[in-house]
Each structure stands twice: as structure tokens, then as C-alpha cells.
Amino acid sequence: MSKTRQALGQWGEERAADYLHRQGLKILARNYRTPVGEIDIIARSKTELLFVEVKTRRGTGFGLPQEAVGLRKQQQIIRTAQWYLKQGKYAKLQPRFDVVAILCQSDERITIQHLPNAFGLTG
């Protein structure tokens, strides 16, 4: 991954974490890495544990940001979430898989779209 794309991704994750925090969620982890994969943001509400994939794009030439979270990526996130859940710390919370899509417009505006329950254990 190029440094420019990596910087855009990190910038998008910052915006997403700020957005989720403003929605009343507590951010538990960022860039959670395991031998089976990585999850951009792990957050919680009173009843749910959110595993969040963040996709940031500068335009729609390659489609919408959320379209980049295909079945293979979903399966990797699910495996990583299962690794996290084995810790048992948040066993009483319902797991949920979300996507936060960030689109940077050419006029400097950004659009943040939060897609709760974007996918589930069945993909």
C-alpha cells in the first residue's frame, strides 16, 4: 500500500472514530491486530459490541467506499472478531458488524455514512 493511501486510510479512521464517539459509542480498540486479521475500530454501546471496518475514498471512480468490503474481507473481519470475543470480556454484549464509509469530495467536503449491521456471520 502506498504511503498516500495509508495516510488517507488513517485519516479516515480518525474521522470515523470521532463520528462514532459523537454517536455515544465508547471506542475500545483501534487497529486491533491478530494472526488472522485486523479490525479498524472496536466500539461498544450499552448492549452491543461493534466491529467496524472503515473505508475511505477520494471519489467514486472505483465505486462507493462500502463496496470495497466484499465477502472475503467480511470473513476476515468475522474471524478476527471471533479471536477478540474469545477473551470473554464482553460476552454479554451482542456483536455487530458495521461499515463506516467516508467519501472525500473534490470540493473538500466529506460524507460519512455509517452502515450498522452491514454484514453478519452468514456474510
Protein backbone atom coordinates (compact mmCIF):
# COMPACT_ATOMS: atom_id res chain seq x y z
CA MET A 1 0.00 0.00 0.00
CA SER A 2 1.36 3.42 -0.91
CA LYS A 3 2.09 5.96 1.81
CA THR A 4 -0.59 8.24 0.32
CA ARG A 5 -3.27 5.53 0.53
CA GLN A 6 -2.12 4.59 4.02
CA ALA A 7 -2.32 8.23 5.15
CA LEU A 8 -5.82 8.54 3.65
CA GLY A 9 -6.88 5.38 5.48
CA GLN A 10 -5.52 6.63 8.81
CA TRP A 11 -7.19 10.00 8.26
CA GLY A 12 -10.49 8.26 7.54
CA GLU A 13 -10.20 6.09 10.64
CA GLU A 14 -9.71 9.22 12.75
CA ARG A 15 -12.88 10.75 11.26
CA ALA A 16 -14.79 7.50 11.81
CA ALA A 17 -13.67 7.17 15.45
CA ASP A 18 -14.67 10.78 16.12
CA TYR A 19 -18.03 10.20 14.45
CA LEU A 20 -18.75 7.02 16.43
CA HIS A 21 -17.72 8.72 19.67
CA ARG A 22 -20.14 11.58 18.94
CA GLN A 23 -22.86 8.96 18.46
CA GLY A 24 -22.34 7.90 22.08
CA LEU A 25 -20.17 4.85 21.48
CA LYS A 26 -17.08 4.05 23.51
CA ILE A 27 -14.03 3.23 21.41
CA LEU A 28 -12.35 0.15 22.89
CA ALA A 29 -9.63 -0.51 20.30
CA ARG A 30 -8.23 0.84 17.06
CA ASN A 31 -6.33 -1.21 14.50
CA TYR A 32 -6.82 -4.40 16.51
CA ARG A 33 -4.43 -6.96 15.00
CA THR A 34 -4.34 -10.72 15.39
CA PRO A 35 -2.67 -13.52 13.43
CA VAL A 36 -5.92 -13.87 11.43
CA GLY A 37 -6.50 -10.22 10.53
CA GLU A 38 -7.19 -6.67 11.63
CA ILE A 39 -10.25 -4.66 12.64
CA ASP A 40 -10.13 -0.89 12.22
CA ILE A 41 -12.30 0.03 15.22
CA ILE A 42 -13.91 -1.90 18.05
CA ALA A 43 -16.54 0.07 19.94
CA ARG A 44 -19.37 -0.60 22.34
CA SER A 45 -22.77 0.68 23.26
CA LYS A 46 -24.67 -0.44 26.33
CA THR A 47 -25.85 -3.61 24.61
CA GLU A 48 -23.69 -4.14 21.53
CA LEU A 49 -20.04 -4.72 20.64
CA LEU A 50 -19.29 -3.16 17.26
CA PHE A 51 -16.59 -4.39 14.91
CA VAL A 52 -16.17 -1.57 12.42
CA GLU A 53 -14.47 -1.57 9.04
CA VAL A 54 -13.63 1.91 7.74
CA LYS A 55 -13.29 2.58 4.01
CA THR A 56 -12.18 5.99 2.74
CA ARG A 57 -12.08 7.09 -0.88
CA ARG A 58 -11.33 10.32 -2.72
CA GLY A 59 -14.01 9.69 -5.33
CA THR A 60 -16.35 7.10 -6.78
CA GLY A 61 -14.26 6.14 -9.81
CA PHE A 62 -13.79 2.69 -8.29
CA GLY A 63 -17.24 2.57 -6.68
CA LEU A 64 -18.52 3.63 -3.29
CA PRO A 65 -16.23 3.04 -0.30
CA GLN A 66 -18.53 0.46 1.28
CA GLU A 67 -18.44 -1.62 -1.91
CA ALA A 68 -14.82 -2.47 -1.09
CA VAL A 69 -15.95 -4.61 1.86
CA GLY A 70 -16.57 -7.80 -0.08
CA LEU A 71 -17.24 -11.31 1.16
CA ARG A 72 -13.55 -12.15 1.63
CA LYS A 73 -12.97 -9.03 3.76
CA GLN A 74 -16.14 -9.74 5.75
CA GLN A 75 -14.97 -13.26 6.53
CA GLN A 76 -11.58 -11.94 7.66
CA ILE A 77 -13.27 -9.42 9.98
CA ILE A 78 -15.53 -12.12 11.40
CA ARG A 79 -12.52 -14.40 12.11
CA THR A 80 -10.72 -11.51 13.81
CA ALA A 81 -13.83 -10.65 15.84
CA GLN A 82 -14.09 -14.27 16.99
CA TRP A 83 -10.48 -14.03 18.17
CA TYR A 84 -11.38 -10.90 20.14
CA LEU A 85 -14.54 -12.47 21.59
CA LYS A 86 -12.57 -15.45 22.93
CA GLN A 87 -11.19 -13.08 25.55
CA GLY A 88 -14.65 -13.22 27.12
CA LYS A 89 -14.51 -9.68 28.48
CA TYR A 90 -17.61 -8.52 26.61
CA ALA A 91 -19.52 -11.80 26.50
CA LYS A 92 -22.81 -10.13 27.50
CA LEU A 93 -22.76 -7.74 24.54
CA GLN A 94 -24.30 -8.59 21.17
CA PRO A 95 -21.67 -8.50 18.39
CA ARG A 96 -22.42 -6.32 15.37
CA PHE A 97 -20.50 -5.73 12.14
CA ASP A 98 -20.62 -2.18 10.79
CA VAL A 99 -19.01 -0.28 7.95
CA VAL A 100 -18.20 3.42 8.04
CA ALA A 101 -17.79 4.76 4.52
CA ILE A 102 -16.03 8.09 4.06
CA LEU A 103 -16.09 9.86 0.74
CA CYS A 104 -13.89 12.91 0.15
CA GLN A 105 -15.50 15.17 -2.44
CA SER A 106 -13.47 17.24 -4.88
CA ASP A 107 -14.83 20.43 -3.25
CA GLU A 108 -13.21 19.46 0.09
CA ARG A 109 -16.47 18.20 1.65
CA ILE A 110 -16.56 14.79 3.28
CA THR A 111 -19.51 12.46 3.57
CA ILE A 112 -19.62 9.92 6.38
CA GLN A 113 -22.07 7.07 6.01
CA HIS A 114 -22.46 4.65 8.92
CA LEU A 115 -23.89 1.29 7.89
CA PRO A 116 -24.93 -0.59 11.06
CA ASN A 117 -25.25 -4.37 10.65
CA ALA A 118 -23.58 -4.11 7.23
CA PHE A 119 -22.99 -7.87 7.33
CA GLY A 120 -23.35 -10.78 9.70
CA LEU A 121 -22.00 -14.21 10.41
CA THR A 122 -23.54 -15.52 7.20
CA GLY A 123 -21.66 -12.87 5.18
